[in-house]
Amino acid sequence: MALALPVYAESEQDRAREAVRAGEIMPLEQVLPRVEKITPGRILKVELERKRGIWVYEIKLLRDNGTLSKLYFDARDGTLLKNRPHYGHHGRQWGHHRSPGGWENREND
């Protein structure tokens, strides 16, 4: 009788490390100075996800002026893809800057 063991997916950290090792993405440490240059504040959360076929660093931060923002960077080269305000639970807009377009309309950093 064979014992079936559950198969666990790689953790997000494992995927990120492997993508950095394979040269698919920049290390987060190289992207963070770009965040500070664009909008100073305190980083609350960072996620690495695949969106529309590319690796994206999604960074949620509390800006120095007290507003919340989400910044999206192409993890391959650190290009800012989108900078948008974060909305509260009741549709309240916390930030006041919205970047036009989607992933295909990149902003310069």
C-alpha atoms as a PDB file:
ATOM      1  CA  MET A   1       0.000   0.000   0.000  1.00  0.00           C
ATOM      2  CA  ALA A   2       1.444   3.370  -1.055  1.00  0.00           C
ATOM      3  CA  LEU A   3       1.285   6.380   1.216  1.00  0.00           C
ATOM      4  CA  ALA A   4       0.016   9.482  -0.558  1.00  0.00           C
ATOM      5  CA  LEU A   5       1.645  12.672   0.661  1.00  0.00           C
ATOM      6  CA  PRO A   6       0.217  16.100  -0.096  1.00  0.00           C
ATOM      7  CA  VAL A   7       2.096  18.173  -2.629  1.00  0.00           C
ATOM      8  CA  TYR A   8       2.665  21.753  -1.541  1.00  0.00           C
ATOM      9  CA  ALA A   9       3.181  24.634  -3.935  1.00  0.00           C
ATOM     10  CA  GLU A  10       6.333  26.683  -3.574  1.00  0.00           C
ATOM     11  CA  SER A  11       6.054  29.597  -1.228  1.00  0.00           C
ATOM     12  CA  GLU A  12       6.021  33.101  -2.659  1.00  0.00           C
ATOM     13  CA  GLN A  13       9.492  33.649  -1.223  1.00  0.00           C
ATOM     14  CA  ASP A  14      10.806  30.513  -2.927  1.00  0.00           C
ATOM     15  CA  ARG A  15       9.371  31.624  -6.258  1.00  0.00           C
ATOM     16  CA  ALA A  16      10.897  35.074  -5.842  1.00  0.00           C
ATOM     17  CA  ARG A  17      14.336  33.699  -4.968  1.00  0.00           C
ATOM     18  CA  GLU A  18      14.265  31.353  -7.941  1.00  0.00           C
ATOM     19  CA  ALA A  19      13.174  34.138 -10.301  1.00  0.00           C
ATOM     20  CA  VAL A  20      16.041  36.358  -9.066  1.00  0.00           C
ATOM     21  CA  ARG A  21      18.536  33.489  -9.447  1.00  0.00           C
ATOM     22  CA  ALA A  22      17.278  32.795 -12.958  1.00  0.00           C
ATOM     23  CA  GLY A  23      17.683  36.464 -13.898  1.00  0.00           C
ATOM     24  CA  GLU A  24      13.941  36.863 -14.556  1.00  0.00           C
ATOM     25  CA  ILE A  25      13.484  39.666 -12.010  1.00  0.00           C
ATOM     26  CA  MET A  26      15.430  42.282 -10.058  1.00  0.00           C
ATOM     27  CA  PRO A  27      15.877  41.781  -6.328  1.00  0.00           C
ATOM     28  CA  LEU A  28      13.405  43.798  -4.280  1.00  0.00           C
ATOM     29  CA  GLU A  29      16.344  45.649  -2.683  1.00  0.00           C
ATOM     30  CA  GLN A  30      17.049  47.263  -6.073  1.00  0.00           C
ATOM     31  CA  VAL A  31      13.432  48.381  -6.531  1.00  0.00           C
ATOM     32  CA  LEU A  32      12.926  49.948  -3.088  1.00  0.00           C
ATOM     33  CA  PRO A  33      15.141  53.022  -3.737  1.00  0.00           C
ATOM     34  CA  ARG A  34      12.910  53.791  -6.740  1.00  0.00           C
ATOM     35  CA  VAL A  35       9.877  53.810  -4.451  1.00  0.00           C
ATOM     36  CA  GLU A  36      11.549  56.380  -2.177  1.00  0.00           C
ATOM     37  CA  LYS A  37      12.459  58.506  -5.215  1.00  0.00           C
ATOM     38  CA  ILE A  38       8.882  58.505  -6.526  1.00  0.00           C
ATOM     39  CA  THR A  39       7.015  59.005  -3.274  1.00  0.00           C
ATOM     40  CA  PRO A  40       8.572  58.930   0.183  1.00  0.00           C
ATOM     41  CA  GLY A  41       6.703  56.992   2.826  1.00  0.00           C
ATOM     42  CA  ARG A  42       6.526  53.826   4.879  1.00  0.00           C
ATOM     43  CA  ILE A  43       6.142  50.540   3.020  1.00  0.00           C
ATOM     44  CA  LEU A  44       3.292  48.506   4.477  1.00  0.00           C
ATOM     45  CA  LYS A  45       3.184  45.486   2.172  1.00  0.00           C
ATOM     46  CA  VAL A  46       5.022  44.033  -0.831  1.00  0.00           C
ATOM     47  CA  GLU A  47       3.753  41.287  -3.124  1.00  0.00           C
ATOM     48  CA  LEU A  48       5.334  39.639  -6.150  1.00  0.00           C
ATOM     49  CA  GLU A  49       2.766  38.411  -8.653  1.00  0.00           C
ATOM     50  CA  ARG A  50       2.445  37.408 -12.287  1.00  0.00           C
ATOM     51  CA  LYS A  51       0.082  39.827 -14.041  1.00  0.00           C
ATOM     52  CA  ARG A  52      -0.615  39.710 -17.740  1.00  0.00           C
ATOM     53  CA  GLY A  53       2.418  37.506 -18.261  1.00  0.00           C
ATOM     54  CA  ILE A  54       4.982  39.593 -16.391  1.00  0.00           C
ATOM     55  CA  TRP A  55       6.336  39.607 -12.840  1.00  0.00           C
ATOM     56  CA  VAL A  56       5.072  42.630 -10.918  1.00  0.00           C
ATOM     57  CA  TYR A  57       6.110  44.015  -7.535  1.00  0.00           C
ATOM     58  CA  GLU A  58       2.994  45.486  -5.912  1.00  0.00           C
ATOM     59  CA  ILE A  59       3.992  47.874  -3.123  1.00  0.00           C
ATOM     60  CA  LYS A  60       1.471  49.384  -0.724  1.00  0.00           C
ATOM     61  CA  LEU A  61       2.754  52.368   1.214  1.00  0.00           C
ATOM     62  CA  LEU A  62       1.688  55.076   3.611  1.00  0.00           C
ATOM     63  CA  ARG A  63       2.955  58.280   2.070  1.00  0.00           C
ATOM     64  CA  ASP A  64       4.510  61.062   4.138  1.00  0.00           C
ATOM     65  CA  ASN A  65       1.385  63.187   3.569  1.00  0.00           C
ATOM     66  CA  GLY A  66      -0.786  60.493   5.235  1.00  0.00           C
ATOM     67  CA  THR A  67      -2.367  59.006   2.111  1.00  0.00           C
ATOM     68  CA  LEU A  68      -2.150  55.367   1.036  1.00  0.00           C
ATOM     69  CA  SER A  69      -0.873  54.381  -2.415  1.00  0.00           C
ATOM     70  CA  LYS A  70      -0.132  51.255  -4.395  1.00  0.00           C
ATOM     71  CA  LEU A  71       2.776  51.256  -6.794  1.00  0.00           C
ATOM     72  CA  TYR A  72       3.296  48.555  -9.395  1.00  0.00           C
ATOM     73  CA  PHE A  73       6.773  47.898 -10.811  1.00  0.00           C
ATOM     74  CA  ASP A  74       7.855  45.600 -13.614  1.00  0.00           C
ATOM     75  CA  ALA A  75      10.040  43.192 -11.627  1.00  0.00           C
ATOM     76  CA  ARG A  76      12.261  42.506 -14.652  1.00  0.00           C
ATOM     77  CA  ASP A  77      13.695  46.015 -14.911  1.00  0.00           C
ATOM     78  CA  GLY A  78      12.145  48.107 -12.116  1.00  0.00           C
ATOM     79  CA  THR A  79      10.029  50.271 -14.423  1.00  0.00           C
ATOM     80  CA  LEU A  80       7.072  51.923 -12.700  1.00  0.00           C
ATOM     81  CA  LEU A  81       3.913  50.562 -14.311  1.00  0.00           C
ATOM     82  CA  LYS A  82       1.260  52.266 -12.232  1.00  0.00           C
ATOM     83  CA  ASN A  83       0.919  54.557  -9.223  1.00  0.00           C
ATOM     84  CA  ARG A  84      -2.594  54.684  -7.864  1.00  0.00           C
ATOM     85  CA  PRO A  85      -4.340  55.781  -4.707  1.00  0.00           C
ATOM     86  CA  HIS A  86      -5.609  53.128  -2.347  1.00  0.00           C
ATOM     87  CA  TYR A  87      -9.346  53.186  -1.699  1.00  0.00           C
ATOM     88  CA  GLY A  88     -10.860  52.466   1.698  1.00  0.00           C
ATOM     89  CA  HIS A  89     -13.656  49.987   2.377  1.00  0.00           C
ATOM     90  CA  HIS A  90     -16.388  52.514   1.547  1.00  0.00           C
ATOM     91  CA  GLY A  91     -14.923  53.870  -1.653  1.00  0.00           C
ATOM     92  CA  ARG A  92     -13.096  56.728   0.062  1.00  0.00           C
ATOM     93  CA  GLN A  93     -10.088  57.812  -1.903  1.00  0.00           C
ATOM     94  CA  TRP A  94      -7.011  57.952   0.328  1.00  0.00           C
ATOM     95  CA  GLY A  95      -4.592  59.307  -2.257  1.00  0.00           C
ATOM     96  CA  HIS A  96      -5.002  61.914  -4.935  1.00  0.00           C
ATOM     97  CA  HIS A  97      -2.705  60.849  -7.793  1.00  0.00           C
ATOM     98  CA  ARG A  98      -3.908  58.455 -10.457  1.00  0.00           C
ATOM     99  CA  SER A  99      -1.727  57.336 -13.312  1.00  0.00           C
ATOM    100  CA  PRO A 100      -3.370  56.841 -16.686  1.00  0.00           C
ATOM    101  CA  GLY A 101      -3.487  53.536 -18.481  1.00  0.00           C
ATOM    102  CA  GLY A 102      -2.650  49.983 -17.600  1.00  0.00           C
ATOM    103  CA  TRP A 103       0.414  47.784 -17.703  1.00  0.00           C
ATOM    104  CA  GLU A 104       1.122  48.750 -21.283  1.00  0.00           C
ATOM    105  CA  ASN A 105       1.318  52.490 -20.427  1.00  0.00           C
ATOM    106  CA  ARG A 106       4.462  52.730 -18.334  1.00  0.00           C
ATOM    107  CA  GLU A 107       5.565  55.812 -16.471  1.00  0.00           C
ATOM    108  CA  ASN A 108       9.152  56.973 -16.229  1.00  0.00           C
ATOM    109  CA  ASP A 109      10.779  56.784 -12.836  1.00  0.00           C
END
